[in-house]
Amino acid sequence: MYKSLEYNTELAIRIDPQNPDHHIYNNNGTLWVHYTIYPTPVTAERIRRSLHTKDILEARRRRDAIFNDIRLAA
């Protein structure tokens, strides 16, 4: 009989205190966030999500909220 293994998704981010906009990029005027998660120990998934804003301060808040949600879910 096979045993079912369960994994928690792990967020892989590098924080650069010199760059408050790390993980945020501009795509034709709309700000996006990009990061990598590891759904299993042997796979990686690059995620890109629109932050639906052109305001950098709002983009930072939304990025931080996304990262906090991922950490809480793990």
Foldseek 3Di string as FASTA:
>chain_A
DDDDDADQKAWDDDDDPVDLCPQWDDDPQWIKGWTWIDRDPPDIDIDIGTLRDNDSVSSSVSVVVVVVVSVVRD
